[in-house]
Amino acid sequence: MKKITITLMFAMTFFIITSCSKSEEEHIVDCVGDSLFMELKHPVDASNSKKINFSLEYSGSTRTLSNVKWNFGDGQSAIGISVSHTYSTADTFVVTAEVTTTEGNSSECTNTKKRTITVN
C-alpha cells in the first residue's frame, strides 16, 4: 500500500509540473486579481425611482475592459459598460455583471460582480 501511495504522489507531482506552464498560472492569478479593479455603480435616475443607471468602472492598468453582460434580476438583461434599466415593480433584486477584460489579442478573463439593490 505504501508503494502505491508513493507512486501516485510521484505521478501527480509529475503531471502538475508538466501540465501547467508558468504563463498559465500567471494568467489564472491575473484573472482572479482582476476583479479587485472593478466597481459596480448603480445610481437611481432622478426623474424615475424605478430606473437604475448601471455602470462598471475598471481601474486596472494591464488589461482592457472589453464587455459587460448584465442580468438585472427580474428576467431582463443587457450588454454594455453603461446601461439603464427600468424595473416594473418595487422590490429587491440581485444584479449580476459578467465582466470580460482582455490583455493583448489573446488573453481574456471573465469575472462576475453581484450587487443586491432595492428598488422603491
PDB file of N, CA and C in Angstrom:
ATOM      1  N   MET A   1       0.826  -1.196   0.000  1.00  0.00           N
ATOM      2  CA  MET A   1       0.000   0.000   0.000  1.00  0.00           C
ATOM      3  C   MET A   1       0.872   1.263   0.000  1.00  0.00           C
ATOM      4  N   LYS A   2       1.978   1.231   0.736  1.00  0.00           N
ATOM      5  CA  LYS A   2       2.858   2.381   0.812  1.00  0.00           C
ATOM      6  C   LYS A   2       3.491   2.670  -0.550  1.00  0.00           C
ATOM      7  N   LYS A   3       3.842   1.613  -1.317  1.00  0.00           N
ATOM      8  CA  LYS A   3       4.422   1.800  -2.646  1.00  0.00           C
ATOM      9  C   LYS A   3       3.429   2.454  -3.592  1.00  0.00           C
ATOM     10  N   ILE A   4       2.170   2.039  -3.503  1.00  0.00           N
ATOM     11  CA  ILE A   4       1.130   2.611  -4.366  1.00  0.00           C
ATOM     12  C   ILE A   4       0.957   4.092  -4.056  1.00  0.00           C
ATOM     13  N   THR A   5       0.926   4.455  -2.789  1.00  0.00           N
ATOM     14  CA  THR A   5       0.765   5.849  -2.381  1.00  0.00           C
ATOM     15  C   THR A   5       1.928   6.698  -2.892  1.00  0.00           C
ATOM     16  N   ILE A   6       3.162   6.192  -2.728  1.00  0.00           N
ATOM     17  CA  ILE A   6       4.336   6.932  -3.193  1.00  0.00           C
ATOM     18  C   ILE A   6       4.309   7.072  -4.710  1.00  0.00           C
ATOM     19  N   THR A   7       3.933   6.014  -5.413  1.00  0.00           N
ATOM     20  CA  THR A   7       3.863   6.057  -6.871  1.00  0.00           C
ATOM     21  C   THR A   7       2.812   7.060  -7.338  1.00  0.00           C
ATOM     22  N   LEU A   8       1.650   7.058  -6.704  1.00  0.00           N
ATOM     23  CA  LEU A   8       0.593   8.012  -7.072  1.00  0.00           C
ATOM     24  C   LEU A   8       1.008   9.448  -6.786  1.00  0.00           C
ATOM     25  N   MET A   9       1.662   9.682  -5.670  1.00  0.00           N
ATOM     26  CA  MET A   9       2.110  11.041  -5.352  1.00  0.00           C
ATOM     27  C   MET A   9       3.144  11.514  -6.364  1.00  0.00           C
ATOM     28  N   PHE A  10       4.065  10.630  -6.745  1.00  0.00           N
ATOM     29  CA  PHE A  10       5.059  10.976  -7.747  1.00  0.00           C
ATOM     30  C   PHE A  10       4.390  11.279  -9.086  1.00  0.00           C
ATOM     31  N   ALA A  11       3.412  10.462  -9.473  1.00  0.00           N
ATOM     32  CA  ALA A  11       2.711  10.664 -10.739  1.00  0.00           C
ATOM     33  C   ALA A  11       1.944  11.986 -10.733  1.00  0.00           C
ATOM     34  N   MET A  12       1.275  12.312  -9.620  1.00  0.00           N
ATOM     35  CA  MET A  12       0.538  13.578  -9.535  1.00  0.00           C
ATOM     36  C   MET A  12       1.486  14.768  -9.612  1.00  0.00           C
ATOM     37  N   THR A  13       2.601  14.686  -8.910  1.00  0.00           N
ATOM     38  CA  THR A  13       3.579  15.772  -8.938  1.00  0.00           C
ATOM     39  C   THR A  13       4.125  15.978 -10.345  1.00  0.00           C
ATOM     40  N   PHE A  14       4.470  14.897 -11.013  1.00  0.00           N
ATOM     41  CA  PHE A  14       4.973  14.975 -12.381  1.00  0.00           C
ATOM     42  C   PHE A  14       3.923  15.580 -13.313  1.00  0.00           C
ATOM     43  N   PHE A  15       2.668  15.143 -13.166  1.00  0.00           N
ATOM     44  CA  PHE A  15       1.591  15.659 -14.007  1.00  0.00           C
ATOM     45  C   PHE A  15       1.399  17.159 -13.797  1.00  0.00           C
ATOM     46  N   ILE A  16       1.398  17.584 -12.549  1.00  0.00           N
ATOM     47  CA  ILE A  16       1.195  19.009 -12.251  1.00  0.00           C
ATOM     48  C   ILE A  16       2.343  19.847 -12.808  1.00  0.00           C
ATOM     49  N   ILE A  17       3.561  19.384 -12.638  1.00  0.00           N
ATOM     50  CA  ILE A  17       4.712  20.135 -13.114  1.00  0.00           C
ATOM     51  C   ILE A  17       4.721  20.257 -14.625  1.00  0.00           C
ATOM     52  N   THR A  18       4.360  19.188 -15.327  1.00  0.00           N
ATOM     53  CA  THR A  18       4.447  19.206 -16.786  1.00  0.00           C
ATOM     54  C   THR A  18       3.203  19.750 -17.468  1.00  0.00           C
ATOM     55  N   SER A  19       2.061  19.816 -16.759  1.00  0.00           N
ATOM     56  CA  SER A  19       0.831  20.241 -17.432  1.00  0.00           C
ATOM     57  C   SER A  19       0.584  21.738 -17.376  1.00  0.00           C
ATOM     58  N   CYS A  20       1.142  22.433 -16.441  1.00  0.00           N
ATOM     59  CA  CYS A  20       0.898  23.878 -16.300  1.00  0.00           C
ATOM     60  C   CYS A  20       2.195  24.643 -16.492  1.00  0.00           C
ATOM     61  N   SER A  21       2.182  25.501 -17.464  1.00  0.00           N
ATOM     62  CA  SER A  21       3.349  26.366 -17.626  1.00  0.00           C
ATOM     63  C   SER A  21       3.194  27.577 -16.724  1.00  0.00           C
ATOM     64  N   LYS A  22       4.255  28.273 -16.494  1.00  0.00           N
ATOM     65  CA  LYS A  22       4.222  29.452 -15.640  1.00  0.00           C
ATOM     66  C   LYS A  22       3.255  30.493 -16.191  1.00  0.00           C
ATOM     67  N   SER A  23       3.165  30.625 -17.512  1.00  0.00           N
ATOM     68  CA  SER A  23       2.275  31.626 -18.074  1.00  0.00           C
ATOM     69  C   SER A  23       0.809  31.303 -17.800  1.00  0.00           C
ATOM     70  N   GLU A  24       0.428  30.034 -17.769  1.00  0.00           N
ATOM     71  CA  GLU A  24      -0.946  29.668 -17.438  1.00  0.00           C
ATOM     72  C   GLU A  24      -1.257  30.013 -15.987  1.00  0.00           C
ATOM     73  N   GLU A  25      -0.309  29.717 -15.092  1.00  0.00           N
ATOM     74  CA  GLU A  25      -0.508  30.043 -13.685  1.00  0.00           C
ATOM     75  C   GLU A  25      -0.623  31.550 -13.487  1.00  0.00           C
ATOM     76  N   GLU A  26       0.213  32.302 -14.155  1.00  0.00           N
ATOM     77  CA  GLU A  26       0.148  33.761 -14.060  1.00  0.00           C
ATOM     78  C   GLU A  26      -1.174  34.277 -14.604  1.00  0.00           C
ATOM     79  N   HIS A  27      -1.662  33.674 -15.681  1.00  0.00           N
ATOM     80  CA  HIS A  27      -2.938  34.090 -16.269  1.00  0.00           C
ATOM     81  C   HIS A  27      -4.076  33.883 -15.270  1.00  0.00           C
ATOM     82  N   ILE A  28      -4.086  32.752 -14.579  1.00  0.00           N
ATOM     83  CA  ILE A  28      -5.132  32.469 -13.589  1.00  0.00           C
ATOM     84  C   ILE A  28      -5.077  33.490 -12.464  1.00  0.00           C
ATOM     85  N   VAL A  29      -3.899  33.779 -11.964  1.00  0.00           N
ATOM     86  CA  VAL A  29      -3.747  34.763 -10.892  1.00  0.00           C
ATOM     87  C   VAL A  29      -4.181  36.144 -11.369  1.00  0.00           C
ATOM     88  N   ASP A  30      -3.795  36.526 -12.589  1.00  0.00           N
ATOM     89  CA  ASP A  30      -4.196  37.817 -13.143  1.00  0.00           C
ATOM     90  C   ASP A  30      -5.716  37.922 -13.238  1.00  0.00           C
ATOM     91  N   CYS A  31      -6.367  36.862 -13.703  1.00  0.00           N
ATOM     92  CA  CYS A  31      -7.825  36.887 -13.853  1.00  0.00           C
ATOM     93  C   CYS A  31      -8.525  37.019 -12.504  1.00  0.00           C
ATOM     94  N   VAL A  32      -8.078  36.265 -11.527  1.00  0.00           N
ATOM     95  CA  VAL A  32      -8.692  36.339 -10.198  1.00  0.00           C
ATOM     96  C   VAL A  32      -8.454  37.715  -9.588  1.00  0.00           C
ATOM     97  N   GLY A  33      -7.249  38.226  -9.687  1.00  0.00           N
ATOM     98  CA  GLY A  33      -6.923  39.534  -9.130  1.00  0.00           C
ATOM     99  C   GLY A  33      -7.578  40.687  -9.863  1.00  0.00           C
ATOM    100  N   ASP A  34      -7.950  40.448 -11.118  1.00  0.00           N
ATOM    101  CA  ASP A  34      -8.554  41.493 -11.942  1.00  0.00           C
ATOM    102  C   ASP A  34      -9.852  42.020 -11.330  1.00  0.00           C
ATOM    103  N   SER A  35     -10.597  41.170 -10.624  1.00  0.00           N
ATOM    104  CA  SER A  35     -11.875  41.595 -10.058  1.00  0.00           C
ATOM    105  C   SER A  35     -11.704  42.672  -8.981  1.00  0.00           C
ATOM    106  N   LEU A  36     -10.513  42.794  -8.422  1.00  0.00           N
ATOM    107  CA  LEU A  36     -10.263  43.830  -7.419  1.00  0.00           C
ATOM    108  C   LEU A  36     -10.321  45.237  -8.016  1.00  0.00           C
ATOM    109  N   PHE A  37     -10.154  45.333  -9.333  1.00  0.00           N
ATOM    110  CA  PHE A  37     -10.136  46.628 -10.012  1.00  0.00           C
ATOM    111  C   PHE A  37     -11.496  47.009 -10.601  1.00  0.00           C
ATOM    112  N   MET A  38     -12.550  46.266 -10.238  1.00  0.00           N
ATOM    113  CA  MET A  38     -13.874  46.505 -10.805  1.00  0.00           C
ATOM    114  C   MET A  38     -14.829  47.031  -9.736  1.00  0.00           C
ATOM    115  N   GLU A  39     -15.587  48.047 -10.105  1.00  0.00           N
ATOM    116  CA  GLU A  39     -16.582  48.593  -9.191  1.00  0.00           C
ATOM    117  C   GLU A  39     -17.899  48.784  -9.931  1.00  0.00           C
ATOM    118  N   LEU A  40     -18.956  48.198  -9.381  1.00  0.00           N
ATOM    119  CA  LEU A  40     -20.282  48.288  -9.971  1.00  0.00           C
ATOM    120  C   LEU A  40     -20.998  49.502  -9.382  1.00  0.00           C
ATOM    121  N   LYS A  41     -21.433  50.410 -10.242  1.00  0.00           N
ATOM    122  CA  LYS A  41     -22.159  51.615  -9.815  1.00  0.00           C
ATOM    123  C   LYS A  41     -23.624  51.461 -10.226  1.00  0.00           C
ATOM    124  N   HIS A  42     -24.539  52.029  -9.421  1.00  0.00           N
ATOM    125  CA  HIS A  42     -25.961  51.907  -9.745  1.00  0.00           C
ATOM    126  C   HIS A  42     -26.795  53.061  -9.172  1.00  0.00           C
ATOM    127  N   PRO A  43     -26.559  54.275  -9.632  1.00  0.00           N
ATOM    128  CA  PRO A  43     -27.383  55.385  -9.139  1.00  0.00           C
ATOM    129  C   PRO A  43     -28.810  55.320  -9.706  1.00  0.00           C
ATOM    130  N   VAL A  44     -29.736  55.787  -8.898  1.00  0.00           N
ATOM    131  CA  VAL A  44     -31.144  55.859  -9.306  1.00  0.00           C
ATOM    132  C   VAL A  44     -31.341  57.111 -10.151  1.00  0.00           C
ATOM    133  N   ASP A  45     -32.123  56.990 -11.216  1.00  0.00           N
ATOM    134  CA  ASP A  45     -32.440  58.127 -12.074  1.00  0.00           C
ATOM    135  C   ASP A  45     -33.252  59.153 -11.264  1.00  0.00           C
ATOM    136  N   ALA A  46     -32.919  60.417 -11.387  1.00  0.00           N
ATOM    137  CA  ALA A  46     -33.567  61.473 -10.595  1.00  0.00           C
ATOM    138  C   ALA A  46     -35.058  61.628 -10.909  1.00  0.00           C
ATOM    139  N   SER A  47     -35.474  61.313 -12.131  1.00  0.00           N
ATOM    140  CA  SER A  47     -36.868  61.520 -12.511  1.00  0.00           C
ATOM    141  C   SER A  47     -37.746  60.276 -12.367  1.00  0.00           C
ATOM    142  N   ASN A  48     -37.139  59.098 -12.155  1.00  0.00           N
ATOM    143  CA  ASN A  48     -37.918  57.863 -12.054  1.00  0.00           C
ATOM    144  C   ASN A  48     -37.194  56.922 -11.082  1.00  0.00           C
ATOM    145  N   SER A  49     -37.811  56.666  -9.919  1.00  0.00           N
ATOM    146  CA  SER A  49     -37.139  55.864  -8.881  1.00  0.00           C
ATOM    147  C   SER A  49     -36.984  54.393  -9.265  1.00  0.00           C
ATOM    148  N   LYS A  50     -37.686  53.938 -10.300  1.00  0.00           N
ATOM    149  CA  LYS A  50     -37.559  52.547 -10.747  1.00  0.00           C
ATOM    150  C   LYS A  50     -36.513  52.392 -11.860  1.00  0.00           C
ATOM    151  N   LYS A  51     -35.959  53.497 -12.321  1.00  0.00           N
ATOM    152  CA  LYS A  51     -34.936  53.444 -13.363  1.00  0.00           C
ATOM    153  C   LYS A  51     -33.551  53.553 -12.709  1.00  0.00           C
ATOM    154  N   ILE A  52     -32.722  52.539 -12.966  1.00  0.00           N
ATOM    155  CA  ILE A  52     -31.383  52.496 -12.397  1.00  0.00           C
ATOM    156  C   ILE A  52     -30.369  52.596 -13.536  1.00  0.00           C
ATOM    157  N   ASN A  53     -29.377  53.443 -13.354  1.00  0.00           N
ATOM    158  CA  ASN A  53     -28.311  53.619 -14.348  1.00  0.00           C
ATOM    159  C   ASN A  53     -27.087  52.828 -13.890  1.00  0.00           C
ATOM    160  N   PHE A  54     -26.885  51.664 -14.495  1.00  0.00           N
ATOM    161  CA  PHE A  54     -25.784  50.781 -14.107  1.00  0.00           C
ATOM    162  C   PHE A  54     -24.533  51.098 -14.918  1.00  0.00           C
ATOM    163  N   SER A  55     -23.382  50.985 -14.265  1.00  0.00           N
ATOM    164  CA  SER A  55     -22.109  51.109 -14.979  1.00  0.00           C
ATOM    165  C   SER A  55     -21.061  50.311 -14.227  1.00  0.00           C
ATOM    166  N   LEU A  56     -20.035  49.946 -14.944  1.00  0.00           N
ATOM    167  CA  LEU A  56     -18.931  49.237 -14.334  1.00  0.00           C
ATOM    168  C   LEU A  56     -17.664  50.041 -14.565  1.00  0.00           C
ATOM    169  N   GLU A  57     -16.981  50.385 -13.482  1.00  0.00           N
ATOM    170  CA  GLU A  57     -15.720  51.115 -13.583  1.00  0.00           C
ATOM    171  C   GLU A  57     -14.579  50.135 -13.380  1.00  0.00           C
ATOM    172  N   TYR A  58     -13.597  50.207 -14.270  1.00  0.00           N
ATOM    173  CA  TYR A  58     -12.439  49.320 -14.210  1.00  0.00           C
ATOM    174  C   TYR A  58     -11.187  50.175 -14.091  1.00  0.00           C
ATOM    175  N   SER A  59     -10.390  49.931 -13.037  1.00  0.00           N
ATOM    176  CA  SER A  59      -9.202  50.754 -12.798  1.00  0.00           C
ATOM    177  C   SER A  59      -7.897  49.980 -12.978  1.00  0.00           C
ATOM    178  N   GLY A  60      -7.961  48.792 -13.570  1.00  0.00           N
ATOM    179  CA  GLY A  60      -6.748  48.019 -13.815  1.00  0.00           C
ATOM    180  C   GLY A  60      -5.879  48.684 -14.870  1.00  0.00           C
ATOM    181  N   SER A  61      -4.584  48.397 -14.817  1.00  0.00           N
ATOM    182  CA  SER A  61      -3.680  49.054 -15.752  1.00  0.00           C
ATOM    183  C   SER A  61      -3.118  48.118 -16.820  1.00  0.00           C
ATOM    184  N   THR A  62      -3.188  46.808 -16.626  1.00  0.00           N
ATOM    185  CA  THR A  62      -2.586  45.898 -17.604  1.00  0.00           C
ATOM    186  C   THR A  62      -3.603  45.291 -18.554  1.00  0.00           C
ATOM    187  N   ARG A  63      -4.867  45.388 -18.249  1.00  0.00           N
ATOM    188  CA  ARG A  63      -5.909  44.797 -19.077  1.00  0.00           C
ATOM    189  C   ARG A  63      -6.878  45.891 -19.531  1.00  0.00           C
ATOM    190  N   THR A  64      -7.737  45.557 -20.497  1.00  0.00           N
ATOM    191  CA  THR A  64      -8.732  46.488 -21.020  1.00  0.00           C
ATOM    192  C   THR A  64     -10.119  45.905 -20.821  1.00  0.00           C
ATOM    193  N   LEU A  65     -11.045  46.715 -20.337  1.00  0.00           N
ATOM    194  CA  LEU A  65     -12.434  46.299 -20.186  1.00  0.00           C
ATOM    195  C   LEU A  65     -13.041  46.165 -21.571  1.00  0.00           C
ATOM    196  N   SER A  66     -13.508  44.961 -21.931  1.00  0.00           N
ATOM    197  CA  SER A  66     -13.999  44.767 -23.291  1.00  0.00           C
ATOM    198  C   SER A  66     -15.490  44.496 -23.390  1.00  0.00           C
ATOM    199  N   ASN A  67     -16.126  43.955 -22.337  1.00  0.00           N
ATOM    200  CA  ASN A  67     -17.535  43.617 -22.449  1.00  0.00           C
ATOM    201  C   ASN A  67     -18.147  43.444 -21.060  1.00  0.00           C
ATOM    202  N   VAL A  68     -19.409  43.847 -20.910  1.00  0.00           N
ATOM    203  CA  VAL A  68     -20.156  43.606 -19.678  1.00  0.00           C
ATOM    204  C   VAL A  68     -21.546  43.108 -20.074  1.00  0.00           C
ATOM    205  N   LYS A  69     -21.923  41.937 -19.552  1.00  0.00           N
ATOM    206  CA  LYS A  69     -23.262  41.380 -19.743  1.00  0.00           C
ATOM    207  C   LYS A  69     -23.993  41.508 -18.413  1.00  0.00           C
ATOM    208  N   TRP A  70     -25.114  42.203 -18.445  1.00  0.00           N
ATOM    209  CA  TRP A  70     -25.878  42.481 -17.230  1.00  0.00           C
ATOM    210  C   TRP A  70     -27.087  41.564 -17.137  1.00  0.00           C
ATOM    211  N   ASN A  71     -27.384  41.105 -15.925  1.00  0.00           N
ATOM    212  CA  ASN A  71     -28.629  40.420 -15.613  1.00  0.00           C
ATOM    213  C   ASN A  71     -29.221  41.212 -14.454  1.00  0.00           C
ATOM    214  N   PHE A  72     -30.407  41.766 -14.657  1.00  0.00           N
ATOM    215  CA  PHE A  72     -30.974  42.700 -13.685  1.00  0.00           C
ATOM    216  C   PHE A  72     -31.765  42.039 -12.563  1.00  0.00           C
ATOM    217  N   GLY A  73     -31.878  40.710 -12.574  1.00  0.00           N
ATOM    218  CA  GLY A  73     -32.557  40.000 -11.502  1.00  0.00           C
ATOM    219  C   GLY A  73     -34.061  39.928 -11.640  1.00  0.00           C
ATOM    220  N   ASP A  74     -34.587  40.472 -12.731  1.00  0.00           N
ATOM    221  CA  ASP A  74     -36.033  40.422 -12.975  1.00  0.00           C
ATOM    222  C   ASP A  74     -36.355  39.735 -14.303  1.00  0.00           C
ATOM    223  N   GLY A  75     -35.396  38.971 -14.815  1.00  0.00           N
ATOM    224  CA  GLY A  75     -35.588  38.288 -16.091  1.00  0.00           C
ATOM    225  C   GLY A  75     -35.106  39.074 -17.292  1.00  0.00           C
ATOM    226  N   GLN A  76     -34.672  40.303 -17.085  1.00  0.00           N
ATOM    227  CA  GLN A  76     -34.188  41.142 -18.182  1.00  0.00           C
ATOM    228  C   GLN A  76     -32.659  41.198 -18.151  1.00  0.00           C
ATOM    229  N   SER A  77     -32.061  41.469 -19.318  1.00  0.00           N
ATOM    230  CA  SER A  77     -30.601  41.568 -19.406  1.00  0.00           C
ATOM    231  C   SER A  77     -30.222  42.603 -20.456  1.00  0.00           C
ATOM    232  N   ALA A  78     -28.944  42.950 -20.475  1.00  0.00           N
ATOM    233  CA  ALA A  78     -28.426  43.917 -21.442  1.00  0.00           C
ATOM    234  C   ALA A  78     -26.920  43.724 -21.560  1.00  0.00           C
ATOM    235  N   ILE A  79     -26.341  44.330 -22.602  1.00  0.00           N
ATOM    236  CA  ILE A  79     -24.905  44.282 -22.819  1.00  0.00           C
ATOM    237  C   ILE A  79     -24.395  45.709 -22.970  1.00  0.00           C
ATOM    238  N   GLY A  80     -23.307  46.022 -22.290  1.00  0.00           N
ATOM    239  CA  GLY A  80     -22.681  47.333 -22.389  1.00  0.00           C
ATOM    240  C   GLY A  80     -22.022  47.716 -21.084  1.00  0.00           C
ATOM    241  N   ILE A  81     -21.057  48.599 -21.149  1.00  0.00           N
ATOM    242  CA  ILE A  81     -20.350  49.037 -19.948  1.00  0.00           C
ATOM    243  C   ILE A  81     -21.259  49.909 -19.086  1.00  0.00           C
ATOM    244  N   SER A  82     -22.086  50.730 -19.725  1.00  0.00           N
ATOM    245  CA  SER A  82     -23.076  51.558 -19.030  1.00  0.00           C
ATOM    246  C   SER A  82     -24.443  51.294 -19.651  1.00  0.00           C
ATOM    247  N   VAL A  83     -25.416  50.914 -18.809  1.00  0.00           N
ATOM    248  CA  VAL A  83     -26.766  50.630 -19.283  1.00  0.00           C
ATOM    249  C   VAL A  83     -27.772  51.168 -18.272  1.00  0.00           C
ATOM    250  N   SER A  84     -28.990  51.415 -18.736  1.00  0.00           N
ATOM    251  CA  SER A  84     -30.086  51.811 -17.855  1.00  0.00           C
ATOM    252  C   SER A  84     -31.154  50.730 -17.905  1.00  0.00           C
ATOM    253  N   HIS A  85     -31.806  50.524 -16.768  1.00  0.00           N
ATOM    254  CA  HIS A  85     -32.887  49.536 -16.717  1.00  0.00           C
ATOM    255  C   HIS A  85     -33.999  50.082 -15.838  1.00  0.00           C
ATOM    256  N   THR A  86     -35.231  49.949 -16.314  1.00  0.00           N
ATOM    257  CA  THR A  86     -36.399  50.378 -15.550  1.00  0.00           C
ATOM    258  C   THR A  86     -37.139  49.142 -15.054  1.00  0.00           C
ATOM    259  N   TYR A  87     -37.247  49.020 -13.753  1.00  0.00           N
ATOM    260  CA  TYR A  87     -37.952  47.902 -13.129  1.00  0.00           C
ATOM    261  C   TYR A  87     -39.447  48.195 -13.144  1.00  0.00           C
ATOM    262  N   SER A  88     -40.249  47.150 -13.296  1.00  0.00           N
ATOM    263  CA  SER A  88     -41.703  47.340 -13.340  1.00  0.00           C
ATOM    264  C   SER A  88     -42.317  47.382 -11.952  1.00  0.00           C
ATOM    265  N   THR A  89     -41.635  46.829 -10.954  1.00  0.00           N
ATOM    266  CA  THR A  89     -42.165  46.822  -9.594  1.00  0.00           C
ATOM    267  C   THR A  89     -41.068  47.200  -8.597  1.00  0.00           C
ATOM    268  N   ALA A  90     -41.505  47.664  -7.442  1.00  0.00           N
ATOM    269  CA  ALA A  90     -40.577  47.929  -6.350  1.00  0.00           C
ATOM    270  C   ALA A  90     -40.288  46.596  -5.666  1.00  0.00           C
ATOM    271  N   ASP A  91     -39.018  46.302  -5.442  1.00  0.00           N
ATOM    272  CA  ASP A  91     -38.624  45.024  -4.837  1.00  0.00           C
ATOM    273  C   ASP A  91     -37.111  45.040  -4.629  1.00  0.00           C
ATOM    274  N   THR A  92     -36.584  43.935  -4.140  1.00  0.00           N
ATOM    275  CA  THR A  92     -35.145  43.753  -4.011  1.00  0.00           C
ATOM    276  C   THR A  92     -34.683  42.788  -5.089  1.00  0.00           C
ATOM    277  N   PHE A  93     -33.610  43.136  -5.788  1.00  0.00           N
ATOM    278  CA  PHE A  93     -33.116  42.344  -6.912  1.00  0.00           C
ATOM    279  C   PHE A  93     -31.613  42.112  -6.765  1.00  0.00           C
ATOM    280  N   VAL A  94     -31.156  40.961  -7.259  1.00  0.00           N
ATOM    281  CA  VAL A  94     -29.722  40.680  -7.323  1.00  0.00           C
ATOM    282  C   VAL A  94     -29.284  40.931  -8.759  1.00  0.00           C
ATOM    283  N   VAL A  95     -28.442  41.943  -8.935  1.00  0.00           N
ATOM    284  CA  VAL A  95     -27.935  42.327 -10.245  1.00  0.00           C
ATOM    285  C   VAL A  95     -26.575  41.673 -10.439  1.00  0.00           C
ATOM    286  N   THR A  96     -26.370  41.074 -11.605  1.00  0.00           N
ATOM    287  CA  THR A  96     -25.107  40.410 -11.913  1.00  0.00           C
ATOM    288  C   THR A  96     -24.490  41.043 -13.148  1.00  0.00           C
ATOM    289  N   ALA A  97     -23.203  41.345 -13.051  1.00  0.00           N
ATOM    290  CA  ALA A  97     -22.443  41.860 -14.194  1.00  0.00           C
ATOM    291  C   ALA A  97     -21.342  40.851 -14.505  1.00  0.00           C
ATOM    292  N   GLU A  98     -21.406  40.246 -15.689  1.00  0.00           N
ATOM    293  CA  GLU A  98     -20.348  39.337 -16.144  1.00  0.00           C
ATOM    294  C   GLU A  98     -19.379  40.173 -16.964  1.00  0.00           C
ATOM    295  N   VAL A  99     -18.191  40.377 -16.418  1.00  0.00           N
ATOM    296  CA  VAL A  99     -17.235  41.343 -16.954  1.00  0.00           C
ATOM    297  C   VAL A  99     -16.089  40.613 -17.659  1.00  0.00           C
ATOM    298  N   THR A 100     -15.825  41.026 -18.900  1.00  0.00           N
ATOM    299  CA  THR A 100     -14.722  40.446 -19.663  1.00  0.00           C
ATOM    300  C   THR A 100     -13.657  41.515 -19.877  1.00  0.00           C
ATOM    301  N   THR A 101     -12.421  41.154 -19.520  1.00  0.00           N
ATOM    302  CA  THR A 101     -11.277  42.022 -19.778  1.00  0.00           C
ATOM    303  C   THR A 101     -10.308  41.276 -20.680  1.00  0.00           C
ATOM    304  N   THR A 102      -9.519  42.042 -21.429  1.00  0.00           N
ATOM    305  CA  THR A 102      -8.546  41.430 -22.332  1.00  0.00           C
ATOM    306  C   THR A 102      -7.174  42.054 -22.129  1.00  0.00           C
ATOM    307  N   GLU A 103      -6.170  41.274 -22.490  1.00  0.00           N
ATOM    308  CA  GLU A 103      -4.793  41.761 -22.495  1.00  0.00           C
ATOM    309  C   GLU A 103      -4.208  41.332 -23.824  1.00  0.00           C
ATOM    310  N   GLY A 104      -3.877  42.303 -24.654  1.00  0.00           N
ATOM    311  CA  GLY A 104      -3.394  41.964 -25.996  1.00  0.00           C
ATOM    312  C   GLY A 104      -4.526  41.394 -26.834  1.00  0.00           C
ATOM    313  N   ASN A 105      -4.187  40.495 -27.738  1.00  0.00           N
ATOM    314  CA  ASN A 105      -5.191  39.916 -28.628  1.00  0.00           C
ATOM    315  C   ASN A 105      -5.685  38.552 -28.179  1.00  0.00           C
ATOM    316  N   SER A 106      -5.025  37.937 -27.186  1.00  0.00           N
ATOM    317  CA  SER A 106      -5.391  36.560 -26.890  1.00  0.00           C
ATOM    318  C   SER A 106      -5.778  36.274 -25.448  1.00  0.00           C
ATOM    319  N   SER A 107      -5.358  37.058 -24.505  1.00  0.00           N
ATOM    320  CA  SER A 107      -5.606  36.775 -23.098  1.00  0.00           C
ATOM    321  C   SER A 107      -6.920  37.409 -22.653  1.00  0.00           C
ATOM    322  N   GLU A 108      -7.898  36.582 -22.308  1.00  0.00           N
ATOM    323  CA  GLU A 108      -9.220  37.065 -21.924  1.00  0.00           C
ATOM    324  C   GLU A 108      -9.593  36.504 -20.560  1.00  0.00           C
ATOM    325  N   CYS A 109     -10.161  37.351 -19.703  1.00  0.00           N
ATOM    326  CA  CYS A 109     -10.631  36.942 -18.380  1.00  0.00           C
ATOM    327  C   CYS A 109     -12.083  37.348 -18.221  1.00  0.00           C
ATOM    328  N   THR A 110     -12.848  36.512 -17.527  1.00  0.00           N
ATOM    329  CA  THR A 110     -14.234  36.846 -17.219  1.00  0.00           C
ATOM    330  C   THR A 110     -14.436  36.725 -15.712  1.00  0.00           C
ATOM    331  N   ASN A 111     -14.962  37.780 -15.108  1.00  0.00           N
ATOM    332  CA  ASN A 111     -15.283  37.818 -13.685  1.00  0.00           C
ATOM    333  C   ASN A 111     -16.740  38.215 -13.523  1.00  0.00           C
ATOM    334  N   THR A 112     -17.326  37.840 -12.402  1.00  0.00           N
ATOM    335  CA  THR A 112     -18.717  38.184 -12.123  1.00  0.00           C
ATOM    336  C   THR A 112     -18.788  39.051 -10.877  1.00  0.00           C
ATOM    337  N   LYS A 113     -19.491  40.161 -10.994  1.00  0.00           N
ATOM    338  CA  LYS A 113     -19.752  41.039  -9.855  1.00  0.00           C
ATOM    339  C   LYS A 113     -21.255  41.002  -9.584  1.00  0.00           C
ATOM    340  N   LYS A 114     -21.636  40.892  -8.314  1.00  0.00           N
ATOM    341  CA  LYS A 114     -23.048  40.876  -7.930  1.00  0.00           C
ATOM    342  C   LYS A 114     -23.322  41.978  -6.936  1.00  0.00           C
ATOM    343  N   ARG A 115     -24.526  42.502  -7.010  1.00  0.00           N
ATOM    344  CA  ARG A 115     -24.945  43.550  -6.097  1.00  0.00           C
ATOM    345  C   ARG A 115     -26.441  43.376  -5.852  1.00  0.00           C
ATOM    346  N   THR A 116     -26.849  43.439  -4.603  1.00  0.00           N
ATOM    347  CA  THR A 116     -28.265  43.413  -4.251  1.00  0.00           C
ATOM    348  C   THR A 116     -28.741  44.856  -4.157  1.00  0.00           C
ATOM    349  N   ILE A 117     -29.796  45.149  -4.906  1.00  0.00           N
ATOM    350  CA  ILE A 117     -30.328  46.516  -4.892  1.00  0.00           C
ATOM    351  C   ILE A 117     -31.792  46.500  -4.480  1.00  0.00           C
ATOM    352  N   THR A 118     -32.245  47.594  -3.922  1.00  0.00           N
ATOM    353  CA  THR A 118     -33.648  47.747  -3.560  1.00  0.00           C
ATOM    354  C   THR A 118     -34.230  48.867  -4.417  1.00  0.00           C
ATOM    355  N   VAL A 119     -35.301  48.532  -5.122  1.00  0.00           N
ATOM    356  CA  VAL A 119     -35.987  49.496  -5.985  1.00  0.00           C
ATOM    357  C   VAL A 119     -37.255  49.948  -5.261  1.00  0.00           C
ATOM    358  N   ASN A 120     -37.411  51.263  -5.137  1.00  0.00           N
ATOM    359  CA  ASN A 120     -38.585  51.824  -4.455  1.00  0.00           C
ATOM    360  C   ASN A 120     -39.686  52.202  -5.421  1.00  0.00           C
TER     361      ASN A 120
END
